[in-house]
Amino acid sequence: MVGWVLAPLLSACVGYLLAAVRGFAKRGSQHDKAMEQGMRALLRQQLIDYHRDYVVSGHACPVCVKEQATSVYAAYHDLGGNGTGTKLYQEIMNTHVEEN
């Protein structure tokens, strides 16, 4: 009789735990995706800012900014960004370098 009572209770507990783990994984996945999209947007905006400050304005671009743009673009690209960000990055790299 104890087995008849414990078996359904244990099954219910295991089912509940599995559902909770699946729900947590799904929420974590959505959170990760949102974080990735947000980070990609911030990195893209940084490339837009560099582009505006040095390409559009025609100002000379310091080497340190080109190095930062390379780091920003690498992270942006690794997160799946491409297209417009690639074009912006290429134009930043093609600007004239600030002379000391």
PDB file of N, CA and C in Angstrom:
ATOM      1  N   MET A   1       0.819  -1.187   0.000  1.00  0.00           N
ATOM      2  CA  MET A   1       0.000   0.000   0.000  1.00  0.00           C
ATOM      3  C   MET A   1       0.871   1.263   0.000  1.00  0.00           C
ATOM      4  N   VAL A   2       1.980   1.231   0.709  1.00  0.00           N
ATOM      5  CA  VAL A   2       2.878   2.386   0.749  1.00  0.00           C
ATOM      6  C   VAL A   2       3.423   2.653  -0.651  1.00  0.00           C
ATOM      7  N   GLY A   3       3.737   1.611  -1.393  1.00  0.00           N
ATOM      8  CA  GLY A   3       4.237   1.747  -2.758  1.00  0.00           C
ATOM      9  C   GLY A   3       3.225   2.413  -3.668  1.00  0.00           C
ATOM     10  N   TRP A   4       1.943   2.092  -3.481  1.00  0.00           N
ATOM     11  CA  TRP A   4       0.891   2.694  -4.296  1.00  0.00           C
ATOM     12  C   TRP A   4       0.756   4.194  -4.028  1.00  0.00           C
ATOM     13  N   VAL A   5       1.068   4.597  -2.864  1.00  0.00           N
ATOM     14  CA  VAL A   5       0.957   6.008  -2.506  1.00  0.00           C
ATOM     15  C   VAL A   5       2.237   6.758  -2.906  1.00  0.00           C
ATOM     16  N   LEU A   6       3.387   6.157  -2.635  1.00  0.00           N
ATOM     17  CA  LEU A   6       4.655   6.830  -2.900  1.00  0.00           C
ATOM     18  C   LEU A   6       4.967   6.949  -4.392  1.00  0.00           C
ATOM     19  N   ALA A   7       4.645   5.934  -5.169  1.00  0.00           N
ATOM     20  CA  ALA A   7       4.967   5.956  -6.598  1.00  0.00           C
ATOM     21  C   ALA A   7       4.328   7.156  -7.303  1.00  0.00           C
ATOM     22  N   PRO A   8       3.030   7.401  -7.147  1.00  0.00           N
ATOM     23  CA  PRO A   8       2.454   8.581  -7.804  1.00  0.00           C
ATOM     24  C   PRO A   8       3.007   9.901  -7.253  1.00  0.00           C
ATOM     25  N   LEU A   9       3.267   9.951  -5.960  1.00  0.00           N
ATOM     26  CA  LEU A   9       3.820  11.179  -5.380  1.00  0.00           C
ATOM     27  C   LEU A   9       5.217  11.464  -5.924  1.00  0.00           C
ATOM     28  N   LEU A  10       6.041  10.425  -6.008  1.00  0.00           N
ATOM     29  CA  LEU A  10       7.385  10.603  -6.553  1.00  0.00           C
ATOM     30  C   LEU A  10       7.332  10.984  -8.033  1.00  0.00           C
ATOM     31  N   SER A  11       6.423  10.378  -8.770  1.00  0.00           N
ATOM     32  CA  SER A  11       6.270  10.726 -10.188  1.00  0.00           C
ATOM     33  C   SER A  11       5.851  12.178 -10.341  1.00  0.00           C
ATOM     34  N   ALA A  12       4.932  12.607  -9.496  1.00  0.00           N
ATOM     35  CA  ALA A  12       4.486  13.996  -9.560  1.00  0.00           C
ATOM     36  C   ALA A  12       5.635  14.952  -9.230  1.00  0.00           C
ATOM     37  N   CYS A  13       6.430  14.602  -8.234  1.00  0.00           N
ATOM     38  CA  CYS A  13       7.573  15.440  -7.852  1.00  0.00           C
ATOM     39  C   CYS A  13       8.594  15.529  -8.977  1.00  0.00           C
ATOM     40  N   VAL A  14       8.895  14.397  -9.594  1.00  0.00           N
ATOM     41  CA  VAL A  14       9.856  14.383 -10.702  1.00  0.00           C
ATOM     42  C   VAL A  14       9.304  15.197 -11.869  1.00  0.00           C
ATOM     43  N   GLY A  15       8.042  15.034 -12.184  1.00  0.00           N
ATOM     44  CA  GLY A  15       7.421  15.805 -13.266  1.00  0.00           C
ATOM     45  C   GLY A  15       7.479  17.295 -12.990  1.00  0.00           C
ATOM     46  N   TYR A  16       7.188  17.673 -11.766  1.00  0.00           N
ATOM     47  CA  TYR A  16       7.235  19.083 -11.383  1.00  0.00           C
ATOM     48  C   TYR A  16       8.652  19.636 -11.533  1.00  0.00           C
ATOM     49  N   LEU A  17       9.642  18.889 -11.075  1.00  0.00           N
ATOM     50  CA  LEU A  17      11.036  19.343 -11.172  1.00  0.00           C
ATOM     51  C   LEU A  17      11.475  19.478 -12.624  1.00  0.00           C
ATOM     52  N   LEU A  18      11.097  18.516 -13.466  1.00  0.00           N
ATOM     53  CA  LEU A  18      11.455  18.608 -14.878  1.00  0.00           C
ATOM     54  C   LEU A  18      10.810  19.821 -15.539  1.00  0.00           C
ATOM     55  N   ALA A  19       9.551  20.073 -15.235  1.00  0.00           N
ATOM     56  CA  ALA A  19       8.862  21.243 -15.797  1.00  0.00           C
ATOM     57  C   ALA A  19       9.520  22.537 -15.318  1.00  0.00           C
ATOM     58  N   ALA A  20       9.920  22.578 -14.067  1.00  0.00           N
ATOM     59  CA  ALA A  20      10.573  23.768 -13.525  1.00  0.00           C
ATOM     60  C   ALA A  20      11.920  24.005 -14.206  1.00  0.00           C
ATOM     61  N   VAL A  21      12.685  22.946 -14.410  1.00  0.00           N
ATOM     62  CA  VAL A  21      13.992  23.073 -15.069  1.00  0.00           C
ATOM     63  C   VAL A  21      13.812  23.530 -16.510  1.00  0.00           C
ATOM     64  N   ARG A  22      12.844  22.975 -17.213  1.00  0.00           N
ATOM     65  CA  ARG A  22      12.593  23.380 -18.606  1.00  0.00           C
ATOM     66  C   ARG A  22      12.166  24.838 -18.674  1.00  0.00           C
ATOM     67  N   GLY A  23      11.310  25.256 -17.763  1.00  0.00           N
ATOM     68  CA  GLY A  23      10.877  26.652 -17.727  1.00  0.00           C
ATOM     69  C   GLY A  23      12.031  27.582 -17.436  1.00  0.00           C
ATOM     70  N   PHE A  24      12.902  27.199 -16.521  1.00  0.00           N
ATOM     71  CA  PHE A  24      14.067  28.009 -16.186  1.00  0.00           C
ATOM     72  C   PHE A  24      15.000  28.110 -17.383  1.00  0.00           C
ATOM     73  N   ALA A  25      15.218  26.988 -18.075  1.00  0.00           N
ATOM     74  CA  ALA A  25      16.099  26.999 -19.245  1.00  0.00           C
ATOM     75  C   ALA A  25      15.525  27.889 -20.344  1.00  0.00           C
ATOM     76  N   LYS A  26      14.211  27.844 -20.532  1.00  0.00           N
ATOM     77  CA  LYS A  26      13.588  28.674 -21.557  1.00  0.00           C
ATOM     78  C   LYS A  26      13.731  30.150 -21.215  1.00  0.00           C
ATOM     79  N   ARG A  27      13.470  30.519 -19.957  1.00  0.00           N
ATOM     80  CA  ARG A  27      13.628  31.913 -19.532  1.00  0.00           C
ATOM     81  C   ARG A  27      15.081  32.345 -19.662  1.00  0.00           C
ATOM     82  N   GLY A  28      16.003  31.457 -19.315  1.00  0.00           N
ATOM     83  CA  GLY A  28      17.427  31.776 -19.439  1.00  0.00           C
ATOM     84  C   GLY A  28      17.810  31.995 -20.885  1.00  0.00           C
ATOM     85  N   SER A  29      17.263  31.196 -21.770  1.00  0.00           N
ATOM     86  CA  SER A  29      17.548  31.321 -23.191  1.00  0.00           C
ATOM     87  C   SER A  29      17.032  32.654 -23.731  1.00  0.00           C
ATOM     88  N   GLN A  30      15.829  33.033 -23.336  1.00  0.00           N
ATOM     89  CA  GLN A  30      15.264  34.313 -23.767  1.00  0.00           C
ATOM     90  C   GLN A  30      16.096  35.471 -23.214  1.00  0.00           C
ATOM     91  N   HIS A  31      16.523  35.335 -21.976  1.00  0.00           N
ATOM     92  CA  HIS A  31      17.345  36.373 -21.350  1.00  0.00           C
ATOM     93  C   HIS A  31      18.679  36.494 -22.086  1.00  0.00           C
ATOM     94  N   ASP A  32      19.300  35.362 -22.381  1.00  0.00           N
ATOM     95  CA  ASP A  32      20.578  35.376 -23.091  1.00  0.00           C
ATOM     96  C   ASP A  32      20.432  36.029 -24.462  1.00  0.00           C
ATOM     97  N   LYS A  33      19.345  35.707 -25.152  1.00  0.00           N
ATOM     98  CA  LYS A  33      19.117  36.277 -26.478  1.00  0.00           C
ATOM     99  C   LYS A  33      18.933  37.787 -26.382  1.00  0.00           C
ATOM    100  N   ALA A  34      18.168  38.231 -25.393  1.00  0.00           N
ATOM    101  CA  ALA A  34      17.960  39.669 -25.204  1.00  0.00           C
ATOM    102  C   ALA A  34      19.268  40.374 -24.869  1.00  0.00           C
ATOM    103  N   MET A  35      20.074  39.772 -24.017  1.00  0.00           N
ATOM    104  CA  MET A  35      21.367  40.363 -23.660  1.00  0.00           C
ATOM    105  C   MET A  35      22.275  40.458 -24.888  1.00  0.00           C
ATOM    106  N   GLU A  36      22.281  39.414 -25.700  1.00  0.00           N
ATOM    107  CA  GLU A  36      23.098  39.399 -26.911  1.00  0.00           C
ATOM    108  C   GLU A  36      22.651  40.497 -27.876  1.00  0.00           C
ATOM    109  N   GLN A  37      21.341  40.623 -28.069  1.00  0.00           N
ATOM    110  CA  GLN A  37      20.829  41.655 -28.965  1.00  0.00           C
ATOM    111  C   GLN A  37      21.141  43.050 -28.435  1.00  0.00           C
ATOM    112  N   GLY A  38      21.001  43.232 -27.137  1.00  0.00           N
ATOM    113  CA  GLY A  38      21.306  44.527 -26.544  1.00  0.00           C
ATOM    114  C   GLY A  38      22.779  44.887 -26.665  1.00  0.00           C
ATOM    115  N   MET A  39      23.637  43.925 -26.408  1.00  0.00           N
ATOM    116  CA  MET A  39      25.077  44.171 -26.515  1.00  0.00           C
ATOM    117  C   MET A  39      25.459  44.480 -27.960  1.00  0.00           C
ATOM    118  N   ARG A  40      24.890  43.747 -28.899  1.00  0.00           N
ATOM    119  CA  ARG A  40      25.171  43.992 -30.314  1.00  0.00           C
ATOM    120  C   ARG A  40      24.729  45.410 -30.701  1.00  0.00           C
ATOM    121  N   ALA A  41      23.575  45.856 -30.197  1.00  0.00           N
ATOM    122  CA  ALA A  41      23.087  47.204 -30.494  1.00  0.00           C
ATOM    123  C   ALA A  41      24.027  48.264 -29.921  1.00  0.00           C
ATOM    124  N   LEU A  42      24.514  48.049 -28.702  1.00  0.00           N
ATOM    125  CA  LEU A  42      25.442  49.009 -28.095  1.00  0.00           C
ATOM    126  C   LEU A  42      26.761  49.076 -28.860  1.00  0.00           C
ATOM    127  N   LEU A  43      27.264  47.928 -29.273  1.00  0.00           N
ATOM    128  CA  LEU A  43      28.517  47.903 -30.031  1.00  0.00           C
ATOM    129  C   LEU A  43      28.330  48.580 -31.394  1.00  0.00           C
ATOM    130  N   ARG A  44      27.191  48.322 -32.027  1.00  0.00           N
ATOM    131  CA  ARG A  44      26.897  48.965 -33.313  1.00  0.00           C
ATOM    132  C   ARG A  44      26.832  50.476 -33.133  1.00  0.00           C
ATOM    133  N   GLN A  45      26.212  50.934 -32.056  1.00  0.00           N
ATOM    134  CA  GLN A  45      26.131  52.369 -31.801  1.00  0.00           C
ATOM    135  C   GLN A  45      27.513  52.979 -31.609  1.00  0.00           C
ATOM    136  N   GLN A  46      28.409  52.238 -30.971  1.00  0.00           N
ATOM    137  CA  GLN A  46      29.779  52.743 -30.798  1.00  0.00           C
ATOM    138  C   GLN A  46      30.449  52.909 -32.156  1.00  0.00           C
ATOM    139  N   LEU A  47      30.243  51.961 -33.056  1.00  0.00           N
ATOM    140  CA  LEU A  47      30.795  52.091 -34.409  1.00  0.00           C
ATOM    141  C   LEU A  47      30.184  53.299 -35.122  1.00  0.00           C
ATOM    142  N   ILE A  48      28.884  53.515 -34.952  1.00  0.00           N
ATOM    143  CA  ILE A  48      28.222  54.676 -35.564  1.00  0.00           C
ATOM    144  C   ILE A  48      28.825  55.970 -35.024  1.00  0.00           C
ATOM    145  N   ASP A  49      29.066  56.017 -33.725  1.00  0.00           N
ATOM    146  CA  ASP A  49      29.660  57.219 -33.117  1.00  0.00           C
ATOM    147  C   ASP A  49      31.059  57.482 -33.651  1.00  0.00           C
ATOM    148  N   TYR A  50      31.888  56.443 -33.723  1.00  0.00           N
ATOM    149  CA  TYR A  50      33.236  56.606 -34.279  1.00  0.00           C
ATOM    150  C   TYR A  50      33.147  57.088 -35.724  1.00  0.00           C
ATOM    151  N   HIS A  51      32.241  56.509 -36.479  1.00  0.00           N
ATOM    152  CA  HIS A  51      32.081  56.870 -37.890  1.00  0.00           C
ATOM    153  C   HIS A  51      31.697  58.341 -38.018  1.00  0.00           C
ATOM    154  N   ARG A  52      30.733  58.766 -37.215  1.00  0.00           N
ATOM    155  CA  ARG A  52      30.293  60.165 -37.250  1.00  0.00           C
ATOM    156  C   ARG A  52      31.444  61.105 -36.865  1.00  0.00           C
ATOM    157  N   ASP A  53      32.176  60.742 -35.809  1.00  0.00           N
ATOM    158  CA  ASP A  53      33.231  61.612 -35.285  1.00  0.00           C
ATOM    159  C   ASP A  53      34.445  61.713 -36.196  1.00  0.00           C
ATOM    160  N   TYR A  54      34.731  60.675 -36.968  1.00  0.00           N
ATOM    161  CA  TYR A  54      35.977  60.686 -37.745  1.00  0.00           C
ATOM    162  C   TYR A  54      35.784  60.563 -39.249  1.00  0.00           C
ATOM    163  N   VAL A  55      34.779  59.875 -39.703  1.00  0.00           N
ATOM    164  CA  VAL A  55      34.583  59.732 -41.147  1.00  0.00           C
ATOM    165  C   VAL A  55      33.711  60.870 -41.668  1.00  0.00           C
ATOM    166  N   VAL A  56      32.526  61.018 -41.098  1.00  0.00           N
ATOM    167  CA  VAL A  56      31.595  62.039 -41.567  1.00  0.00           C
ATOM    168  C   VAL A  56      32.165  63.442 -41.354  1.00  0.00           C
ATOM    169  N   SER A  57      32.772  63.671 -40.198  1.00  0.00           N
ATOM    170  CA  SER A  57      33.305  65.007 -39.882  1.00  0.00           C
ATOM    171  C   SER A  57      34.588  65.318 -40.647  1.00  0.00           C
ATOM    172  N   GLY A  58      35.273  64.277 -41.096  1.00  0.00           N
ATOM    173  CA  GLY A  58      36.525  64.482 -41.821  1.00  0.00           C
ATOM    174  C   GLY A  58      37.722  64.694 -40.922  1.00  0.00           C
ATOM    175  N   HIS A  59      37.527  64.535 -39.608  1.00  0.00           N
ATOM    176  CA  HIS A  59      38.655  64.699 -38.682  1.00  0.00           C
ATOM    177  C   HIS A  59      39.598  63.504 -38.777  1.00  0.00           C
ATOM    178  N   ALA A  60      40.872  63.753 -38.462  1.00  0.00           N
ATOM    179  CA  ALA A  60      41.847  62.674 -38.411  1.00  0.00           C
ATOM    180  C   ALA A  60      41.489  61.730 -37.264  1.00  0.00           C
ATOM    181  N   CYS A  61      41.735  60.470 -37.468  1.00  0.00           N
ATOM    182  CA  CYS A  61      41.379  59.446 -36.474  1.00  0.00           C
ATOM    183  C   CYS A  61      42.640  58.977 -35.746  1.00  0.00           C
ATOM    184  N   PRO A  62      42.690  59.123 -34.425  1.00  0.00           N
ATOM    185  CA  PRO A  62      43.850  58.646 -33.678  1.00  0.00           C
ATOM    186  C   PRO A  62      43.983  57.119 -33.776  1.00  0.00           C
ATOM    187  N   VAL A  63      45.204  56.658 -33.685  1.00  0.00           N
ATOM    188  CA  VAL A  63      45.464  55.216 -33.746  1.00  0.00           C
ATOM    189  C   VAL A  63      44.714  54.488 -32.633  1.00  0.00           C
ATOM    190  N   CYS A  64      44.662  55.081 -31.447  1.00  0.00           N
ATOM    191  CA  CYS A  64      43.982  54.415 -30.333  1.00  0.00           C
ATOM    192  C   CYS A  64      42.494  54.223 -30.627  1.00  0.00           C
ATOM    193  N   VAL A  65      41.876  55.139 -31.346  1.00  0.00           N
ATOM    194  CA  VAL A  65      40.461  54.991 -31.712  1.00  0.00           C
ATOM    195  C   VAL A  65      40.302  53.871 -32.736  1.00  0.00           C
ATOM    196  N   LYS A  66      41.229  53.786 -33.668  1.00  0.00           N
ATOM    197  CA  LYS A  66      41.170  52.684 -34.643  1.00  0.00           C
ATOM    198  C   LYS A  66      41.326  51.334 -33.939  1.00  0.00           C
ATOM    199  N   GLU A  67      42.200  51.284 -32.936  1.00  0.00           N
ATOM    200  CA  GLU A  67      42.369  50.038 -32.171  1.00  0.00           C
ATOM    201  C   GLU A  67      41.094  49.700 -31.402  1.00  0.00           C
ATOM    202  N   GLN A  68      40.464  50.720 -30.800  1.00  0.00           N
ATOM    203  CA  GLN A  68      39.209  50.494 -30.087  1.00  0.00           C
ATOM    204  C   GLN A  68      38.110  50.053 -31.054  1.00  0.00           C
ATOM    205  N   ALA A  69      38.065  50.681 -32.225  1.00  0.00           N
ATOM    206  CA  ALA A  69      37.065  50.315 -33.229  1.00  0.00           C
ATOM    207  C   ALA A  69      37.245  48.861 -33.660  1.00  0.00           C
ATOM    208  N   THR A  70      38.495  48.425 -33.745  1.00  0.00           N
ATOM    209  CA  THR A  70      38.764  47.032 -34.106  1.00  0.00           C
ATOM    210  C   THR A  70      38.238  46.089 -33.033  1.00  0.00           C
ATOM    211  N   SER A  71      38.449  46.421 -31.767  1.00  0.00           N
ATOM    212  CA  SER A  71      37.944  45.592 -30.669  1.00  0.00           C
ATOM    213  C   SER A  71      36.416  45.572 -30.654  1.00  0.00           C
ATOM    214  N   VAL A  72      35.823  46.742 -30.836  1.00  0.00           N
ATOM    215  CA  VAL A  72      34.361  46.841 -30.855  1.00  0.00           C
ATOM    216  C   VAL A  72      33.799  46.018 -32.009  1.00  0.00           C
ATOM    217  N   TYR A  73      34.396  46.172 -33.186  1.00  0.00           N
ATOM    218  CA  TYR A  73      33.893  45.438 -34.353  1.00  0.00           C
ATOM    219  C   TYR A  73      34.055  43.933 -34.176  1.00  0.00           C
ATOM    220  N   ALA A  74      35.168  43.489 -33.613  1.00  0.00           N
ATOM    221  CA  ALA A  74      35.384  42.044 -33.409  1.00  0.00           C
ATOM    222  C   ALA A  74      34.290  41.465 -32.510  1.00  0.00           C
ATOM    223  N   ALA A  75      33.976  42.162 -31.423  1.00  0.00           N
ATOM    224  CA  ALA A  75      32.915  41.694 -30.525  1.00  0.00           C
ATOM    225  C   ALA A  75      31.563  41.744 -31.232  1.00  0.00           C
ATOM    226  N   TYR A  76      31.301  42.819 -31.948  1.00  0.00           N
ATOM    227  CA  TYR A  76      30.049  42.984 -32.693  1.00  0.00           C
ATOM    228  C   TYR A  76      29.882  41.847 -33.701  1.00  0.00           C
ATOM    229  N   HIS A  77      30.930  41.578 -34.430  1.00  0.00           N
ATOM    230  CA  HIS A  77      30.885  40.517 -35.439  1.00  0.00           C
ATOM    231  C   HIS A  77      30.700  39.141 -34.790  1.00  0.00           C
ATOM    232  N   ASP A  78      31.398  38.889 -33.685  1.00  0.00           N
ATOM    233  CA  ASP A  78      31.269  37.606 -32.981  1.00  0.00           C
ATOM    234  C   ASP A  78      29.863  37.388 -32.437  1.00  0.00           C
ATOM    235  N   LEU A  79      29.145  38.476 -32.171  1.00  0.00           N
ATOM    236  CA  LEU A  79      27.764  38.370 -31.692  1.00  0.00           C
ATOM    237  C   LEU A  79      26.758  38.273 -32.845  1.00  0.00           C
ATOM    238  N   GLY A  80      27.268  38.181 -34.059  1.00  0.00           N
ATOM    239  CA  GLY A  80      26.381  37.998 -35.209  1.00  0.00           C
ATOM    240  C   GLY A  80      26.087  39.268 -35.973  1.00  0.00           C
ATOM    241  N   GLY A  81      26.689  40.370 -35.568  1.00  0.00           N
ATOM    242  CA  GLY A  81      26.475  41.621 -36.290  1.00  0.00           C
ATOM    243  C   GLY A  81      27.263  41.621 -37.589  1.00  0.00           C
ATOM    244  N   ASN A  82      26.712  42.247 -38.602  1.00  0.00           N
ATOM    245  CA  ASN A  82      27.411  42.348 -39.879  1.00  0.00           C
ATOM    246  C   ASN A  82      26.766  43.460 -40.697  1.00  0.00           C
ATOM    247  N   GLY A  83      26.939  43.442 -41.983  1.00  0.00           N
ATOM    248  CA  GLY A  83      26.270  44.410 -42.856  1.00  0.00           C
ATOM    249  C   GLY A  83      26.701  45.828 -42.600  1.00  0.00           C
ATOM    250  N   THR A  84      25.813  46.612 -42.027  1.00  0.00           N
ATOM    251  CA  THR A  84      26.076  48.023 -41.789  1.00  0.00           C
ATOM    252  C   THR A  84      27.298  48.213 -40.898  1.00  0.00           C
ATOM    253  N   GLY A  85      27.412  47.421 -39.838  1.00  0.00           N
ATOM    254  CA  GLY A  85      28.560  47.523 -38.941  1.00  0.00           C
ATOM    255  C   GLY A  85      29.876  47.283 -39.661  1.00  0.00           C
ATOM    256  N   THR A  86      29.879  46.325 -40.581  1.00  0.00           N
ATOM    257  CA  THR A  86      31.090  46.039 -41.357  1.00  0.00           C
ATOM    258  C   THR A  86      31.465  47.226 -42.223  1.00  0.00           C
ATOM    259  N   LYS A  87      30.477  47.822 -42.862  1.00  0.00           N
ATOM    260  CA  LYS A  87      30.729  48.991 -43.715  1.00  0.00           C
ATOM    261  C   LYS A  87      31.263  50.157 -42.888  1.00  0.00           C
ATOM    262  N   LEU A  88      30.649  50.389 -41.738  1.00  0.00           N
ATOM    263  CA  LEU A  88      31.115  51.465 -40.860  1.00  0.00           C
ATOM    264  C   LEU A  88      32.563  51.232 -40.441  1.00  0.00           C
ATOM    265  N   TYR A  89      32.863  50.007 -40.024  1.00  0.00           N
ATOM    266  CA  TYR A  89      34.207  49.658 -39.570  1.00  0.00           C
ATOM    267  C   TYR A  89      35.234  49.869 -40.691  1.00  0.00           C
ATOM    268  N   GLN A  90      34.909  49.411 -41.879  1.00  0.00           N
ATOM    269  CA  GLN A  90      35.843  49.565 -43.006  1.00  0.00           C
ATOM    270  C   GLN A  90      36.127  51.039 -43.298  1.00  0.00           C
ATOM    271  N   GLU A  91      35.091  51.859 -43.230  1.00  0.00           N
ATOM    272  CA  GLU A  91      35.289  53.286 -43.486  1.00  0.00           C
ATOM    273  C   GLU A  91      36.100  53.948 -42.377  1.00  0.00           C
ATOM    274  N   ILE A  92      35.897  53.501 -41.140  1.00  0.00           N
ATOM    275  CA  ILE A  92      36.713  54.032 -40.035  1.00  0.00           C
ATOM    276  C   ILE A  92      38.179  53.670 -40.255  1.00  0.00           C
ATOM    277  N   MET A  93      38.433  52.449 -40.661  1.00  0.00           N
ATOM    278  CA  MET A  93      39.811  52.002 -40.876  1.00  0.00           C
ATOM    279  C   MET A  93      40.457  52.724 -42.059  1.00  0.00           C
ATOM    280  N   ASN A  94      39.657  53.203 -42.999  1.00  0.00           N
ATOM    281  CA  ASN A  94      40.189  53.894 -44.166  1.00  0.00           C
ATOM    282  C   ASN A  94      40.397  55.404 -43.953  1.00  0.00           C
ATOM    283  N   THR A  95      39.993  55.942 -42.808  1.00  0.00           N
ATOM    284  CA  THR A  95      40.219  57.371 -42.561  1.00  0.00           C
ATOM    285  C   THR A  95      41.691  57.641 -42.322  1.00  0.00           C
ATOM    286  N   HIS A  96      42.074  58.872 -42.560  1.00  0.00           N
ATOM    287  CA  HIS A  96      43.491  59.228 -42.350  1.00  0.00           C
ATOM    288  C   HIS A  96      43.791  59.245 -40.846  1.00  0.00           C
ATOM    289  N   VAL A  97      45.027  58.902 -40.547  1.00  0.00           N
ATOM    290  CA  VAL A  97      45.472  58.766 -39.147  1.00  0.00           C
ATOM    291  C   VAL A  97      45.957  60.127 -38.660  1.00  0.00           C
ATOM    292  N   GLU A  98      45.603  60.408 -37.419  1.00  0.00           N
ATOM    293  CA  GLU A  98      46.033  61.654 -36.793  1.00  0.00           C
ATOM    294  C   GLU A  98      47.537  61.654 -36.620  1.00  0.00           C
ATOM    295  N   GLU A  99      48.160  62.751 -37.029  1.00  0.00           N
ATOM    296  CA  GLU A  99      49.602  62.886 -36.861  1.00  0.00           C
ATOM    297  C   GLU A  99      49.889  63.536 -35.521  1.00  0.00           C
ATOM    298  N   ASN A 100      50.974  63.106 -34.883  1.00  0.00           N
ATOM    299  CA  ASN A 100      51.343  63.671 -33.571  1.00  0.00           C
ATOM    300  C   ASN A 100      52.112  64.936 -33.714  1.00  0.00           C
TER     301      ASN A 100
END
